[in-house]
Amino acid sequence: MKLENLRPVEGSTHREKRIGRGEGSGHGGTSTRGHKGDKQHSGFRIKRGFEGGQMPLQRRIPKYGFKNINRVEYRAINLDVLQTLIDNNKVTDRIAPEDLVKNGYASKNDLIKILGRGEIKAKVEVIAHKFSNSAIEAIQNAGGTVVTI
């Protein structure tokens, strides 16, 4: 086999489509561009973001951030805060959302989530709307109980 003998496989190549060479070629007349409209004319370039007349995505979406109306926000309270309440004799055997509101750590309409930063040494019942896994583990290791509202 020599370089000058190389040929493409039979049927793998096609003749170039020659447009605009008369009606007899099958590609005359409109030269495969159809009738009327932007795409018929030379120099046509579709504009970036154009969606065929539909309102484009960049104009449909809000421009100044997005506010999820279904988002549930929790007031985060860590274990070290609970231990501070216990150390200062503000609570004894039970910590409820009312106690946190009374001591200024949350407001009355807040949903409260207990997080696991710090450590808790006292055996106490903790009542809240949500708990992290590390907080549950720490409270139960100290001999306390966890109650989800």
C-alpha atoms as a PDB file:
ATOM      1  CA  MET A   1       0.000   0.000   0.000  1.00  0.00           C
ATOM      2  CA  LYS A   2       1.315   3.412  -0.963  1.00  0.00           C
ATOM      3  CA  LEU A   3       0.239   6.895  -0.039  1.00  0.00           C
ATOM      4  CA  GLU A   4      -0.862   7.674  -3.580  1.00  0.00           C
ATOM      5  CA  ASN A   5      -3.145   4.604  -3.638  1.00  0.00           C
ATOM      6  CA  LEU A   6      -5.218   5.577  -0.576  1.00  0.00           C
ATOM      7  CA  ARG A   7      -8.918   6.070  -1.337  1.00  0.00           C
ATOM      8  CA  PRO A   8     -11.918   6.611   0.947  1.00  0.00           C
ATOM      9  CA  VAL A   9     -14.222   3.639   1.446  1.00  0.00           C
ATOM     10  CA  GLU A  10     -16.912   3.295  -1.225  1.00  0.00           C
ATOM     11  CA  GLY A  11     -20.048   5.283  -0.259  1.00  0.00           C
ATOM     12  CA  SER A  12     -18.364   7.236   2.571  1.00  0.00           C
ATOM     13  CA  THR A  13     -18.003  10.472   0.596  1.00  0.00           C
ATOM     14  CA  HIS A  14     -20.601  12.601  -1.140  1.00  0.00           C
ATOM     15  CA  ARG A  15     -20.468  15.254  -3.753  1.00  0.00           C
ATOM     16  CA  GLU A  16     -20.646  18.845  -2.513  1.00  0.00           C
ATOM     17  CA  LYS A  17     -24.145  20.379  -2.689  1.00  0.00           C
ATOM     18  CA  ARG A  18     -23.802  23.185  -5.250  1.00  0.00           C
ATOM     19  CA  ILE A  19     -26.571  25.706  -4.642  1.00  0.00           C
ATOM     20  CA  GLY A  20     -27.617  28.624  -6.797  1.00  0.00           C
ATOM     21  CA  ARG A  21     -26.551  27.018 -10.089  1.00  0.00           C
ATOM     22  CA  GLY A  22     -29.848  27.083 -11.959  1.00  0.00           C
ATOM     23  CA  GLU A  23     -33.170  25.278 -11.837  1.00  0.00           C
ATOM     24  CA  GLY A  24     -31.771  22.148 -13.486  1.00  0.00           C
ATOM     25  CA  SER A  25     -29.494  21.486 -10.518  1.00  0.00           C
ATOM     26  CA  GLY A  26     -32.443  21.042  -8.152  1.00  0.00           C
ATOM     27  CA  HIS A  27     -30.963  23.749  -5.929  1.00  0.00           C
ATOM     28  CA  GLY A  28     -31.764  26.857  -7.942  1.00  0.00           C
ATOM     29  CA  GLY A  29     -34.493  29.421  -7.324  1.00  0.00           C
ATOM     30  CA  THR A  30     -34.441  30.088  -3.614  1.00  0.00           C
ATOM     31  CA  SER A  31     -31.166  28.131  -3.287  1.00  0.00           C
ATOM     32  CA  THR A  32     -32.438  25.923  -0.401  1.00  0.00           C
ATOM     33  CA  ARG A  33     -33.270  28.976   1.751  1.00  0.00           C
ATOM     34  CA  GLY A  34     -37.074  28.799   1.560  1.00  0.00           C
ATOM     35  CA  HIS A  35     -39.397  31.713   0.903  1.00  0.00           C
ATOM     36  CA  LYS A  36     -39.212  35.082   2.686  1.00  0.00           C
ATOM     37  CA  GLY A  37     -38.036  35.835   6.211  1.00  0.00           C
ATOM     38  CA  ASP A  38     -34.715  36.700   7.801  1.00  0.00           C
ATOM     39  CA  LYS A  39     -33.036  33.397   6.994  1.00  0.00           C
ATOM     40  CA  GLN A  40     -33.531  33.910   3.264  1.00  0.00           C
ATOM     41  CA  HIS A  41     -31.181  36.895   3.145  1.00  0.00           C
ATOM     42  CA  SER A  42     -27.413  36.995   3.196  1.00  0.00           C
ATOM     43  CA  GLY A  43     -25.762  38.278   6.346  1.00  0.00           C
ATOM     44  CA  PHE A  44     -28.435  36.806   8.594  1.00  0.00           C
ATOM     45  CA  ARG A  45     -27.230  36.024  12.095  1.00  0.00           C
ATOM     46  CA  ILE A  46     -29.595  35.049  14.887  1.00  0.00           C
ATOM     47  CA  LYS A  47     -29.167  37.320  17.893  1.00  0.00           C
ATOM     48  CA  ARG A  48     -27.873  35.776  21.113  1.00  0.00           C
ATOM     49  CA  GLY A  49     -30.789  34.965  23.392  1.00  0.00           C
ATOM     50  CA  PHE A  50     -33.430  35.252  20.642  1.00  0.00           C
ATOM     51  CA  GLU A  51     -36.186  32.667  21.135  1.00  0.00           C
ATOM     52  CA  GLY A  52     -38.304  33.159  18.030  1.00  0.00           C
ATOM     53  CA  GLY A  53     -40.399  35.995  19.441  1.00  0.00           C
ATOM     54  CA  GLN A  54     -41.089  34.272  22.752  1.00  0.00           C
ATOM     55  CA  MET A  55     -40.058  36.385  25.748  1.00  0.00           C
ATOM     56  CA  PRO A  56     -36.382  35.469  26.208  1.00  0.00           C
ATOM     57  CA  LEU A  57     -35.181  33.736  29.361  1.00  0.00           C
ATOM     58  CA  GLN A  58     -33.005  36.656  30.452  1.00  0.00           C
ATOM     59  CA  ARG A  59     -36.099  38.887  30.448  1.00  0.00           C
ATOM     60  CA  ARG A  60     -38.420  36.352  32.109  1.00  0.00           C
ATOM     61  CA  ILE A  61     -36.424  35.712  35.278  1.00  0.00           C
ATOM     62  CA  PRO A  62     -36.296  38.144  38.218  1.00  0.00           C
ATOM     63  CA  LYS A  63     -33.335  40.507  38.141  1.00  0.00           C
ATOM     64  CA  TYR A  64     -32.606  41.150  41.810  1.00  0.00           C
ATOM     65  CA  GLY A  65     -32.319  37.738  43.425  1.00  0.00           C
ATOM     66  CA  PHE A  66     -34.922  35.107  44.106  1.00  0.00           C
ATOM     67  CA  LYS A  67     -37.080  34.727  47.209  1.00  0.00           C
ATOM     68  CA  ASN A  68     -38.364  31.216  47.813  1.00  0.00           C
ATOM     69  CA  ILE A  69     -41.837  31.703  49.303  1.00  0.00           C
ATOM     70  CA  ASN A  70     -41.808  28.139  50.681  1.00  0.00           C
ATOM     71  CA  ARG A  71     -38.520  28.496  52.592  1.00  0.00           C
ATOM     72  CA  VAL A  72     -38.710  27.580  56.284  1.00  0.00           C
ATOM     73  CA  GLU A  73     -36.244  29.541  58.424  1.00  0.00           C
ATOM     74  CA  TYR A  74     -35.102  28.330  61.823  1.00  0.00           C
ATOM     75  CA  ARG A  75     -33.410  30.240  64.656  1.00  0.00           C
ATOM     76  CA  ALA A  76     -30.168  28.330  65.282  1.00  0.00           C
ATOM     77  CA  ILE A  77     -29.352  27.685  68.944  1.00  0.00           C
ATOM     78  CA  ASN A  78     -26.184  25.765  69.821  1.00  0.00           C
ATOM     79  CA  LEU A  79     -25.562  23.433  72.739  1.00  0.00           C
ATOM     80  CA  ASP A  80     -23.156  25.878  74.385  1.00  0.00           C
ATOM     81  CA  VAL A  81     -26.040  28.393  74.668  1.00  0.00           C
ATOM     82  CA  LEU A  82     -28.182  25.755  76.394  1.00  0.00           C
ATOM     83  CA  GLN A  83     -25.304  24.976  78.772  1.00  0.00           C
ATOM     84  CA  THR A  84     -24.972  28.712  79.550  1.00  0.00           C
ATOM     85  CA  LEU A  85     -28.673  28.829  80.497  1.00  0.00           C
ATOM     86  CA  ILE A  86     -28.183  25.826  82.788  1.00  0.00           C
ATOM     87  CA  ASP A  87     -24.997  27.262  84.341  1.00  0.00           C
ATOM     88  CA  ASN A  88     -26.700  30.598  85.115  1.00  0.00           C
ATOM     89  CA  ASN A  89     -29.618  28.770  86.801  1.00  0.00           C
ATOM     90  CA  LYS A  90     -32.089  30.201  84.289  1.00  0.00           C
ATOM     91  CA  VAL A  91     -33.445  26.697  83.564  1.00  0.00           C
ATOM     92  CA  THR A  92     -33.208  23.437  85.461  1.00  0.00           C
ATOM     93  CA  ASP A  93     -34.537  20.187  84.004  1.00  0.00           C
ATOM     94  CA  ARG A  94     -36.414  21.324  80.894  1.00  0.00           C
ATOM     95  CA  ILE A  95     -35.523  23.734  78.054  1.00  0.00           C
ATOM     96  CA  ALA A  96     -38.456  24.806  75.872  1.00  0.00           C
ATOM     97  CA  PRO A  97     -38.800  27.530  73.204  1.00  0.00           C
ATOM     98  CA  GLU A  98     -40.510  29.766  75.804  1.00  0.00           C
ATOM     99  CA  ASP A  99     -37.328  29.695  77.924  1.00  0.00           C
ATOM    100  CA  LEU A 100     -35.213  30.775  74.945  1.00  0.00           C
ATOM    101  CA  VAL A 101     -37.665  33.608  74.175  1.00  0.00           C
ATOM    102  CA  LYS A 102     -37.693  34.724  77.833  1.00  0.00           C
ATOM    103  CA  ASN A 103     -33.877  34.891  77.892  1.00  0.00           C
ATOM    104  CA  GLY A 104     -33.623  36.774  74.581  1.00  0.00           C
ATOM    105  CA  TYR A 105     -32.189  34.037  72.353  1.00  0.00           C
ATOM    106  CA  ALA A 106     -35.261  33.881  70.084  1.00  0.00           C
ATOM    107  CA  SER A 107     -38.473  35.735  69.388  1.00  0.00           C
ATOM    108  CA  LYS A 108     -41.877  34.213  70.042  1.00  0.00           C
ATOM    109  CA  ASN A 109     -42.644  33.346  66.394  1.00  0.00           C
ATOM    110  CA  ASP A 110     -39.250  31.748  65.638  1.00  0.00           C
ATOM    111  CA  LEU A 111     -38.943  28.092  64.788  1.00  0.00           C
ATOM    112  CA  ILE A 112     -35.973  26.779  66.765  1.00  0.00           C
ATOM    113  CA  LYS A 113     -33.314  24.327  65.631  1.00  0.00           C
ATOM    114  CA  ILE A 114     -30.770  22.988  68.101  1.00  0.00           C
ATOM    115  CA  LEU A 115     -27.265  22.605  66.616  1.00  0.00           C
ATOM    116  CA  GLY A 116     -24.304  20.647  67.978  1.00  0.00           C
ATOM    117  CA  ARG A 117     -21.610  23.290  68.628  1.00  0.00           C
ATOM    118  CA  GLY A 118     -20.220  23.122  72.134  1.00  0.00           C
ATOM    119  CA  GLU A 119     -21.123  20.536  74.733  1.00  0.00           C
ATOM    120  CA  ILE A 120     -23.876  19.971  77.226  1.00  0.00           C
ATOM    121  CA  LYS A 121     -23.141  18.351  80.586  1.00  0.00           C
ATOM    122  CA  ALA A 122     -26.511  18.445  82.348  1.00  0.00           C
ATOM    123  CA  LYS A 123     -29.297  15.885  82.099  1.00  0.00           C
ATOM    124  CA  VAL A 124     -32.123  17.962  80.620  1.00  0.00           C
ATOM    125  CA  GLU A 125     -35.170  17.574  78.394  1.00  0.00           C
ATOM    126  CA  VAL A 126     -34.807  19.793  75.309  1.00  0.00           C
ATOM    127  CA  ILE A 127     -37.918  20.761  73.340  1.00  0.00           C
ATOM    128  CA  ALA A 128     -37.521  22.360  69.898  1.00  0.00           C
ATOM    129  CA  HIS A 129     -38.838  22.283  66.337  1.00  0.00           C
ATOM    130  CA  LYS A 130     -35.769  20.611  64.840  1.00  0.00           C
ATOM    131  CA  PHE A 131     -32.437  19.093  65.908  1.00  0.00           C
ATOM    132  CA  SER A 132     -29.172  18.319  64.139  1.00  0.00           C
ATOM    133  CA  ASN A 133     -27.914  14.738  64.466  1.00  0.00           C
ATOM    134  CA  SER A 134     -24.856  15.835  66.439  1.00  0.00           C
ATOM    135  CA  ALA A 135     -27.072  17.758  68.897  1.00  0.00           C
ATOM    136  CA  ILE A 136     -29.345  14.757  69.446  1.00  0.00           C
ATOM    137  CA  GLU A 137     -26.332  12.543  70.077  1.00  0.00           C
ATOM    138  CA  ALA A 138     -24.744  15.008  72.545  1.00  0.00           C
ATOM    139  CA  ILE A 139     -27.977  15.545  74.527  1.00  0.00           C
ATOM    140  CA  GLN A 140     -28.644  11.802  74.786  1.00  0.00           C
ATOM    141  CA  ASN A 141     -25.021  11.084  75.769  1.00  0.00           C
ATOM    142  CA  ALA A 142     -25.445  13.546  78.662  1.00  0.00           C
ATOM    143  CA  GLY A 143     -28.511  11.571  79.785  1.00  0.00           C
ATOM    144  CA  GLY A 144     -31.084  14.052  78.490  1.00  0.00           C
ATOM    145  CA  THR A 145     -34.041  13.621  76.143  1.00  0.00           C
ATOM    146  CA  VAL A 146     -35.001  15.240  72.881  1.00  0.00           C
ATOM    147  CA  VAL A 147     -38.605  16.243  72.080  1.00  0.00           C
ATOM    148  CA  THR A 148     -39.497  17.511  68.591  1.00  0.00           C
ATOM    149  CA  ILE A 149     -42.526  19.815  68.426  1.00  0.00           C
END
